Protein backbone atom coordinates (compact mmCIF):
# COMPACT_ATOMS: atom_id res chain seq x y z
CA MET A 1 -3.16 31.23 19.62
CA GLY A 2 -5.77 29.95 22.08
CA PRO A 3 -6.98 26.35 22.36
CA ALA A 4 -10.24 27.14 20.50
CA SER A 5 -8.36 28.80 17.65
CA GLN A 6 -6.01 25.88 17.44
CA GLN A 7 -8.98 23.58 16.92
CA ILE A 8 -10.61 25.76 14.27
CA LEU A 9 -7.40 26.46 12.33
CA THR A 10 -5.84 23.16 11.42
CA THR A 11 -2.91 22.05 9.28
CA PHE A 12 -2.82 19.80 6.26
CA SER A 13 -0.31 18.47 3.74
CA THR A 14 -0.62 16.80 0.34
CA ASP A 15 1.49 14.11 -1.19
CA LEU A 16 3.16 15.01 -4.49
CA CYS A 17 4.66 12.33 -6.73
CA THR A 18 6.97 12.84 -9.59
CA SER A 19 8.88 10.62 -12.07
CA MET A 20 12.68 10.92 -12.11
CA PHE A 21 15.38 10.07 -14.52
CA GLY A 22 18.73 8.42 -13.97
CA ASN A 23 20.33 5.26 -12.65
CA VAL A 24 18.67 4.99 -9.25
CA PHE A 25 17.70 1.32 -9.11
CA THR A 26 20.19 -1.14 -10.69
CA VAL A 27 19.08 -4.72 -11.34
CA ASN A 28 20.19 -7.58 -13.52
CA ASN A 29 18.46 -7.65 -16.86
CA VAL A 30 17.12 -11.17 -16.71
CA GLN A 31 14.58 -10.58 -19.48
CA ASN A 32 16.59 -9.26 -22.42
CA GLN A 33 20.16 -10.36 -21.70
CA THR A 34 21.52 -13.77 -20.81
CA ILE A 35 22.87 -14.47 -17.32
CA VAL A 36 23.90 -18.02 -18.21
CA ASP A 37 26.95 -19.38 -19.98
CA THR A 38 26.26 -19.03 -23.75
CA VAL A 39 29.71 -19.86 -25.06
CA ASP A 40 29.10 -21.76 -28.26
CA ILE A 41 25.61 -22.60 -27.00
CA SER A 42 24.38 -23.61 -30.45
CA ARG A 43 26.25 -26.86 -30.04
CA ASN A 44 26.40 -27.08 -26.27
CA ILE A 45 22.87 -26.57 -25.00
CA HIS A 46 23.51 -29.55 -22.73
CA LYS A 47 26.22 -27.52 -20.90
CA LEU A 48 23.68 -24.91 -19.85
CA THR A 49 23.77 -26.33 -16.32
CA GLU A 50 23.43 -23.20 -14.15
CA ILE A 51 23.50 -19.42 -14.15
CA GLU A 52 26.93 -17.86 -14.38
CA GLU A 53 27.00 -16.46 -10.85
CA ASP A 54 25.77 -19.71 -9.38
CA TYR A 55 26.69 -18.70 -5.81
CA LEU A 56 23.59 -16.51 -5.84
CA ILE A 57 21.38 -19.64 -5.58
CA PRO A 58 22.43 -20.81 -2.05
CA PHE A 59 22.87 -17.16 -1.02
CA ALA A 60 19.28 -16.27 -1.98
CA LEU A 61 17.72 -19.49 -0.64
CA LYS A 62 19.37 -19.19 2.78
CA ARG A 63 18.45 -15.53 3.10
CA ALA A 64 14.84 -16.51 2.33
CA ALA A 65 14.97 -19.19 5.06
CA TYR A 66 16.09 -16.55 7.58
CA HIS A 67 13.36 -14.12 6.32
CA LEU A 68 16.02 -11.62 5.22
CA ASP A 69 15.27 -9.20 2.39
CA PRO A 70 17.03 -9.59 -0.94
CA PRO A 71 19.93 -7.16 -1.51
CA TYR A 72 19.07 -3.93 -3.31
CA SER A 73 21.08 -1.32 -5.07
CA PHE A 74 18.92 1.85 -5.24
CA ILE A 75 18.76 5.55 -4.46
CA CYS A 76 15.85 7.09 -2.59
CA PRO A 77 15.97 10.69 -1.22
CA ALA A 78 15.82 10.80 2.57
CA GLU A 79 13.09 13.44 2.48
CA ALA A 80 10.82 11.33 0.24
CA LEU A 81 7.85 9.42 1.70
CA ASN A 82 8.47 6.51 -0.63
CA CYS A 83 10.16 5.61 -3.87
CA SER A 84 8.65 3.30 -6.43
CA TYR A 85 10.54 1.49 -9.16
CA ASN A 86 8.25 0.23 -11.90
CA SER A 87 8.20 -2.68 -14.38
CA VAL A 88 11.28 -4.48 -13.06
CA PRO A 89 11.67 -7.89 -14.80
CA ILE A 90 11.69 -10.91 -12.49
CA LEU A 91 11.97 -14.65 -13.20
CA TYR A 92 9.54 -16.56 -10.99
CA THR A 93 9.89 -20.29 -10.65
CA VAL A 94 6.85 -22.26 -9.47
CA PRO A 95 6.50 -25.96 -8.48
CA GLU A 96 3.63 -27.76 -10.16
CA CYS A 97 2.92 -30.85 -8.02
CA THR A 98 0.76 -33.98 -7.84
CA GLN A 99 0.48 -36.63 -5.13
CA GLY A 100 3.07 -39.43 -5.18
CA SER A 101 3.85 -42.44 -2.97
CA LEU A 102 6.78 -44.37 -1.57
CA GLN A 103 6.65 -46.42 -4.77
CA THR A 104 7.45 -43.31 -6.84
CA LYS A 105 10.76 -43.80 -8.70
CA VAL A 106 13.59 -41.40 -8.30
CA VAL A 107 17.21 -41.07 -9.40
CA ASP A 108 19.76 -42.34 -6.86
CA VAL A 109 22.51 -39.84 -7.65
CA ALA A 110 25.20 -41.81 -5.87
CA ALA A 111 24.36 -45.10 -7.56
CA LYS A 112 23.37 -43.44 -10.88
CA ASN A 113 20.30 -45.57 -11.25
CA VAL A 114 16.55 -45.43 -10.68
CA THR A 115 14.93 -46.81 -7.57
CA THR A 116 11.81 -46.37 -5.47
CA LEU A 117 11.68 -44.12 -2.42
CA TYR A 118 10.63 -47.17 -0.43
CA ASP A 119 13.83 -49.02 -1.30
CA LEU A 120 15.97 -45.91 -1.09
CA PHE A 121 14.75 -45.27 2.45
CA SER A 122 15.44 -48.89 3.45
CA TYR A 123 11.84 -49.46 4.49
CA ASN A 124 12.24 -52.96 2.99
CA SER A 125 14.88 -53.80 5.55
CA THR A 126 14.04 -56.11 8.40
CA MET A 127 16.03 -53.86 10.72
CA GLN A 128 13.72 -50.92 11.32
CA LEU A 129 16.21 -48.79 13.22
CA ALA A 130 15.75 -45.08 13.72
CA ILE A 131 19.25 -44.50 12.35
CA LEU A 132 18.19 -46.00 9.03
CA GLN A 133 15.17 -43.73 8.73
CA PRO A 134 15.58 -40.74 6.39
CA GLN A 135 15.69 -37.17 7.62
CA LEU A 136 13.01 -35.29 5.79
CA PRO A 137 12.25 -33.20 3.83
CA ARG A 138 14.34 -34.28 0.85
CA ILE A 139 14.26 -33.61 -2.89
CA TYR A 140 15.28 -36.22 -5.46
CA TYR A 141 15.51 -35.99 -9.24
CA ALA A 142 12.53 -37.66 -10.84
CA GLU A 143 12.92 -40.89 -12.87
CA SER A 144 12.72 -38.90 -16.11
CA MET A 145 15.82 -36.93 -15.12
CA LEU A 146 18.22 -39.91 -15.32
CA GLY A 147 21.13 -38.79 -17.50
CA ARG A 148 20.11 -35.12 -17.02
CA THR A 149 21.07 -34.50 -13.41
CA ALA A 150 23.44 -31.59 -12.81
CA ALA A 151 26.33 -33.92 -12.06
CA GLU A 152 25.76 -35.91 -15.23
CA LEU A 153 25.52 -32.80 -17.39
CA ASP A 154 28.66 -31.42 -15.84
CA ALA A 155 30.49 -34.64 -16.80
CA LEU A 156 29.52 -34.41 -20.46
CA PRO A 157 32.17 -33.06 -22.83
CA ARG A 158 31.65 -29.97 -24.89
CA VAL A 159 30.82 -30.44 -28.54
CA THR A 160 33.29 -28.74 -30.84
CA TRP A 161 33.49 -28.31 -34.61
CA GLY A 162 33.62 -31.61 -36.46
CA THR A 163 32.54 -33.77 -33.52
CA GLY A 164 29.03 -34.52 -34.75
CA ALA A 165 25.56 -33.06 -35.15
CA ASN A 166 23.94 -31.51 -32.16
CA ILE A 167 20.53 -33.21 -32.74
CA THR A 168 21.52 -35.94 -30.28
CA LEU A 169 21.59 -33.33 -27.54
CA SER A 170 17.80 -33.44 -27.34
CA GLN A 171 18.11 -36.23 -24.76
CA TYR A 172 19.85 -33.87 -22.36
CA ILE A 173 17.24 -31.12 -22.15
CA GLY A 174 13.60 -31.14 -21.02
CA ASP A 175 11.33 -30.40 -18.05
CA GLN A 176 13.04 -30.23 -14.73
CA SER A 177 11.13 -32.71 -12.59
CA PHE A 178 11.73 -33.85 -9.01
CA VAL A 179 10.20 -35.77 -6.17
CA VAL A 180 9.76 -34.41 -2.63
CA ALA A 181 9.48 -36.59 0.49
CA THR A 182 8.04 -34.75 3.45
CA LEU A 183 6.74 -35.44 6.95
CA ARG A 184 2.97 -35.17 6.57
CA ASN A 185 3.39 -32.56 3.85
CA THR A 186 4.76 -30.01 6.38
CA THR A 187 8.11 -28.34 7.02
CA GLU A 188 8.77 -30.52 10.05
CA THR A 189 12.33 -31.73 10.07
CA ASN A 190 12.89 -35.19 11.61
CA TYR A 191 13.45 -38.87 11.00
CA ALA A 192 10.40 -40.38 9.29
CA ASN A 193 8.47 -43.62 9.56
CA ALA A 194 6.95 -44.94 6.37
CA LYS A 195 3.40 -44.11 7.54
CA ASP A 196 4.32 -40.40 8.03
CA VAL A 197 5.89 -39.81 4.61
CA VAL A 198 3.90 -37.74 2.14
CA VAL A 199 5.35 -37.73 -1.37
CA LEU A 200 4.87 -35.00 -4.02
CA GLN A 201 5.83 -35.32 -7.70
CA CYS A 202 6.70 -31.89 -9.09
CA THR A 203 7.86 -30.04 -12.22
CA LEU A 204 9.30 -26.58 -12.22
CA ARG A 205 7.48 -23.92 -14.26
CA SER A 206 8.83 -20.48 -15.09
CA PHE A 207 7.12 -17.09 -15.46
CA SER A 208 8.38 -13.79 -16.79
CA THR A 209 7.04 -11.26 -14.40
CA GLU A 210 7.09 -7.48 -14.04
CA VAL A 211 7.20 -6.16 -10.53
CA THR A 212 6.89 -2.73 -8.87
CA PHE A 213 9.31 -2.23 -5.95
CA THR A 214 8.35 0.37 -3.31
CA TYR A 215 10.72 1.61 -0.61
CA ASP A 216 9.11 3.13 2.50
CA THR A 217 11.60 5.59 3.96
CA ALA A 218 9.97 5.76 7.35
CA ALA A 219 9.86 2.02 7.82
CA GLN A 220 13.13 1.55 5.88
CA LYS A 221 11.51 -1.39 4.18
CA MET A 222 11.35 -2.49 0.53
CA SER A 223 8.22 -4.29 -0.71
CA TRP A 224 7.12 -5.50 -4.06
CA LYS A 225 3.90 -6.34 -5.91
CA GLU A 226 3.34 -8.21 -9.12
CA ASP A 227 2.13 -6.11 -12.08
CA ARG A 228 1.80 -8.85 -14.68
CA SER A 229 3.09 -12.34 -15.23
CA LEU A 230 3.40 -14.50 -18.38
CA PRO A 231 4.20 -18.24 -18.38
CA LEU A 232 7.25 -19.36 -20.24
CA LYS A 233 6.74 -22.47 -22.41
CA PHE A 234 10.03 -23.87 -23.47
CA ASP A 235 10.47 -25.06 -27.13
CA TYR A 236 13.11 -27.68 -26.49
CA GLU A 237 13.44 -28.53 -30.17
CA SER A 238 14.39 -24.95 -30.99
CA MET A 239 16.79 -24.89 -28.06
CA VAL A 240 18.60 -27.83 -29.61
CA THR A 241 18.59 -26.83 -33.22
CA ASP A 242 18.66 -23.01 -33.03
CA ALA A 243 19.76 -22.01 -29.51
CA ASN A 244 21.36 -18.77 -30.70
CA ASN A 245 17.94 -17.40 -31.68
CA VAL A 246 16.20 -18.44 -28.45
CA LYS A 247 15.17 -15.35 -26.46
CA PRO A 248 17.45 -14.70 -23.44
CA VAL A 249 14.53 -14.88 -20.98
CA TYR A 250 13.96 -18.55 -21.87
CA LEU A 251 17.64 -19.47 -21.51
CA ASN A 252 17.80 -17.64 -18.17
CA ALA A 253 14.70 -19.32 -16.80
CA TYR A 254 15.87 -22.79 -17.90
CA GLY A 255 19.30 -22.23 -16.41
CA LEU A 256 17.70 -21.08 -13.13
CA GLN A 257 15.60 -24.24 -12.96
CA ILE A 258 18.61 -26.41 -13.37
CA SER A 259 20.57 -24.42 -10.73
CA VAL A 260 17.71 -24.85 -8.19
CA LEU A 261 17.69 -28.66 -8.48
CA LYS A 262 21.50 -28.76 -8.54
CA HIS A 263 21.60 -27.23 -5.06
CA LEU A 264 18.50 -28.72 -3.50
CA ALA A 265 18.49 -32.35 -4.77
CA TYR A 266 19.68 -34.75 -2.11
CA ASP A 267 23.21 -36.00 -2.31
CA LYS A 268 25.00 -37.99 0.39
CA LYS A 269 28.24 -36.18 -0.29
CA ARG A 270 26.93 -32.82 0.95
CA ASP A 271 24.56 -31.38 3.53
CA ASN A 272 20.87 -31.49 2.86
CA MET A 273 20.30 -27.77 2.24
CA LEU A 274 16.53 -28.20 1.93
CA PHE A 275 16.38 -29.83 5.36
CA ASP A 276 18.48 -27.08 7.01
CA MET A 277 16.50 -24.24 5.47
CA ALA A 278 13.13 -25.83 6.36
CA ARG A 279 14.21 -26.04 9.99
CA THR A 280 15.22 -22.37 10.00
CA TRP A 281 12.15 -21.19 8.05
CA SER A 282 9.69 -23.05 10.33
CA ILE A 283 10.97 -21.14 13.42
CA LYS A 284 8.79 -18.23 12.34
CA HIS A 285 6.02 -20.08 10.50
CA GLY A 286 5.81 -23.25 12.62
CA LYS A 287 6.73 -26.81 11.78
CA ASP A 288 3.17 -27.56 10.70
CA ALA A 289 3.26 -25.05 7.83
CA SER A 290 2.68 -26.43 4.41
CA PHE A 291 5.82 -27.61 2.57
CA LEU A 292 4.66 -26.06 -0.70
CA GLU A 293 4.13 -22.75 1.06
CA TYR A 294 7.71 -22.91 2.28
CA PHE A 295 9.11 -24.05 -1.03
CA GLN A 296 7.25 -21.36 -3.02
CA ASP A 297 8.41 -18.71 -0.55
CA ILE A 298 12.10 -19.46 -0.98
CA LEU A 299 11.69 -19.75 -4.80
CA THR A 300 10.03 -16.33 -4.89
CA HIS A 301 12.86 -14.79 -2.93
CA LEU A 302 15.28 -16.49 -5.21
CA GLY A 303 13.70 -14.91 -8.26
CA VAL A 304 13.83 -11.48 -6.72
CA THR A 305 17.44 -11.85 -5.61
CA ILE A 306 18.64 -13.02 -9.02
CA THR A 307 17.30 -9.70 -10.33
CA THR A 308 18.17 -7.28 -7.56
CA ALA A 309 21.62 -8.57 -6.55
CA ALA A 310 23.22 -6.42 -9.26
CA ILE A 311 26.35 -8.20 -10.52
CA THR A 312 29.04 -6.18 -12.27
CA ASP A 313 29.47 -8.90 -14.95
CA PHE A 314 25.73 -8.97 -15.65
CA PRO A 315 24.02 -6.51 -17.98
CA ASN A 316 21.98 -4.03 -16.05
CA PHE A 317 18.40 -2.82 -16.34
CA TYR A 318 17.46 0.71 -15.32
CA THR A 319 13.92 1.74 -14.44
CA ARG A 320 12.32 5.21 -14.26
CA PRO A 321 11.34 5.60 -10.63
CA THR A 322 8.57 7.62 -8.97
CA PHE A 323 9.42 9.63 -5.86
CA CYS A 324 6.66 10.87 -3.54
CA PHE A 325 7.14 13.83 -1.22
CA ARG A 326 4.97 15.56 1.36
CA SER A 327 4.20 19.22 0.66
CA PRO A 328 4.97 21.99 3.28
CA VAL A 329 2.42 22.37 6.04
CA MET A 330 -0.53 24.70 5.16
CA TYR A 331 -3.40 26.04 7.31
CA HIS A 332 -7.12 25.89 6.74
CA PHE A 333 -10.39 26.22 8.64
CA GLU A 334 -11.86 22.98 9.79
CA PRO A 335 -15.65 23.30 9.39
CA SER A 336 -16.48 20.47 11.71
CA THR A 337 -14.84 22.37 14.58
CA TYR A 338 -16.39 25.82 14.16
CA TYR A 339 -19.94 24.95 13.10
CA GLY A 340 -20.89 24.34 16.74
CA LEU A 341 -19.46 27.70 17.84
CA VAL A 342 -21.28 29.61 15.08
CA LEU A 343 -24.59 27.87 15.75
CA SER A 344 -24.29 28.54 19.48
CA LEU A 345 -24.41 32.31 18.75
CA LEU A 346 -27.81 31.86 17.13
CA VAL A 347 -29.33 30.68 20.45
CA PRO A 348 -29.69 34.14 22.15
CA LEU A 349 -30.89 35.60 18.79
CA LEU A 350 -33.51 32.91 18.53
CA TRP A 351 -34.56 33.51 22.15
CA TRP A 352 -34.90 37.28 21.49
CA VAL A 353 -37.06 36.69 18.37
CA VAL A 354 -39.36 34.28 20.20
CA THR A 355 -39.69 36.72 23.13
CA TRP A 356 -40.44 39.66 20.81
CA ILE A 357 -43.05 37.76 18.80
CA THR A 358 -44.68 36.57 22.00
CA SER A 359 -44.77 40.13 23.39
CA LEU A 360 -46.36 41.45 20.21
CA TYR A 361 -49.02 38.75 20.40
CA LYS A 362 -49.81 39.53 24.05
CA THR A 363 -49.98 43.34 23.46
CA ASN A 364 -52.16 43.12 20.38
CA GLY A 365 -49.29 44.10 18.07
CA ILE A 366 -48.00 46.98 20.15
CA SER A 367 -44.36 46.75 21.05
CA ARG A 368 -43.60 47.96 24.57
CA GLY A 369 -39.92 48.40 24.74
CA ASN A 370 -38.45 51.37 26.70
CA SER A 371 -38.21 53.63 23.69
CA GLN A 372 -41.69 52.77 22.40
CA VAL A 373 -43.26 53.41 25.84
CA ALA A 374 -41.44 56.71 26.12
CA LEU A 375 -42.73 57.71 22.66
CA LEU A 376 -46.27 56.86 23.65
CA VAL A 377 -46.09 58.84 26.88
CA THR A 378 -44.69 61.85 25.04
CA GLY A 379 -47.59 62.30 22.60
CA LEU A 380 -48.73 65.41 20.74
CA THR A 381 -50.03 68.70 22.05
CA PRO A 382 -53.76 69.42 21.30
CA ALA A 383 -52.76 72.03 18.67
CA VAL A 384 -50.60 69.63 16.68
CA ALA A 385 -53.07 66.77 17.16
CA GLU A 386 -55.80 68.93 15.75
CA LYS A 387 -53.73 69.64 12.62
CA LEU A 388 -53.28 65.86 12.01
CA ARG A 389 -56.81 64.85 12.84
CA GLY A 390 -58.40 62.56 10.23
CA TYR A 391 -55.06 61.22 8.91
CA SER A 392 -54.62 58.07 11.05
CA HIS A 393 -55.95 55.91 8.19
CA ALA A 394 -54.27 57.88 5.43
CA GLY A 395 -51.71 56.31 3.13
CA GLN A 396 -48.03 56.92 3.37
CA SER A 397 -47.90 59.61 0.72
CA ALA A 398 -50.80 61.68 2.12
CA LEU A 399 -49.56 61.24 5.71
CA PHE A 400 -46.02 62.50 4.88
CA LYS A 401 -47.38 65.35 2.75
CA ARG A 402 -49.53 66.54 5.65
CA ALA A 403 -46.71 66.07 8.17
CA ARG A 404 -44.46 68.42 6.14
CA GLN A 405 -47.07 71.16 6.50
CA VAL A 406 -47.10 70.87 10.31
CA GLN A 407 -44.25 72.67 12.02
CA ALA A 408 -43.74 70.77 15.27
CA VAL A 409 -40.89 70.87 17.74
CA PHE A 410 -39.89 68.63 20.59
CA GLY A 411 -39.84 70.11 24.07
CA GLU A 412 -41.74 70.77 27.25
CA THR A 413 -45.09 72.38 27.40
CA LYS A 414 -45.18 75.82 29.14
CA ALA A 415 -46.05 75.57 32.81
CA GLY A 416 -45.40 77.39 36.04
CA SER A 417 -41.85 78.24 37.18
CA ASP A 418 -41.84 75.52 39.84
CA ARG A 419 -43.18 72.79 37.74
CA ARG A 420 -41.78 71.01 34.71
CA GLY A 421 -43.93 70.88 31.62
CA HIS A 422 -44.99 67.71 29.83
CA VAL A 423 -42.58 66.50 27.24
CA ALA A 424 -44.34 66.40 23.84
CA PHE A 425 -44.36 67.44 20.27
CA GLY A 426 -46.03 70.81 19.79
CA THR A 427 -45.88 74.18 18.06
CA LYS A 428 -43.11 76.71 18.83
CA GLU A 429 -45.45 79.01 20.61
CA GLU A 430 -46.53 76.44 23.22
CA MET A 431 -43.23 74.69 23.79
CA ASN A 432 -40.12 75.42 25.89
CA SER A 433 -36.75 73.86 25.34
CA ILE A 434 -35.97 70.85 27.56
CA ARG A 435 -34.05 71.81 30.69
CA PRO A 436 -31.32 69.67 32.18
CA ARG A 437 -32.70 67.04 34.56
CA ARG A 438 -32.19 67.81 38.24
CA SER A 439 -31.78 65.02 40.78
CA SER A 440 -34.11 66.80 43.23
CA ILE A 441 -36.88 66.91 40.65
CA ASP A 442 -36.17 63.32 39.59
CA SER A 443 -36.55 62.16 43.20
CA ARG A 444 -39.85 63.99 43.55
CA ILE A 445 -41.09 62.44 40.34
């Protein structure tokens, strides 16, 4: 196939998508089944202190800090362009924040009391040494969380039959609030002077979200987009008095909030996870990135990981996927490539038409091509011309009727033996058949 043909005849393919059945994307069912400890929860709502597989929290947060994808358990054919898994339930946790100050009160977990950040950071000390300055960012339980921190809830005994009514448990549940101390509201990690500290007072909010996951086989990359999201408003009274009838999605979201603060709230007895992750996360985004941008990013990855890190002990959710394939290569004509070639063939035709019209105009309507000139030169013998006299202006019918009555032949008029007659149309009696042309005669002519 020549280069021109290759341009005119091109290939194309179409993408075909089809829905499939089967267990091809396994996730934890965080919407309709509980992933928290619900043993005797009707009397022990205060013991809902974390999700059952609590190791997923630091696992997910640290992967987010390193910009690693959540783990997935799925099947996607290698020949597919992409695979989509629709309406997967996700629990999103979002911080709702307002501006605070160094006078904002927080829970000192070690001392088990309430104090201001200013006092907790020893800014009231006369010895302003760098070693006394706090390493930020840090998260503290808000003042309202005294008695409800993860450590305090863990220390509470379980309520069993005959040990009293559960109505007193209302003091142990409620909004999960915290205070963040940052360096200029960024992800910068360093020791902080009082003038550089920006304080945020936050409360965690939960959303039940449905997400579509799409795996690109060429890029070997999973992405997701939010389809719809509904806020979860906790009815704490019902959680105390009728926890068994609370929808699982609310218990899961509440347990996830408690787990987040349990791992991120500052405690002298352990490493500051928030500080370490901010330092790692800012390597890609820069230390001047917004703290809330960083915090929301790790919480989003946490929500996805809690769903996609399929745990054997957790109930599973199966989605009906959509697989897209590329059809076999087919051929078709590409109009944009052959229009020019086709139009170019009209150029000589157009030139001929213009030339012919011009010649007719200059010859008063008489065409003078080779055949026409030869016909004019040939003419009629006087005998035939006499029979057709008076019919030059006749109509077609009369002319043809008269022509049928005239018996004319084509040949040479009779002449001497050494001369050739004139080629014309005449009667049989005055015409000879045309003799083969001789070069000697042609040369004389």
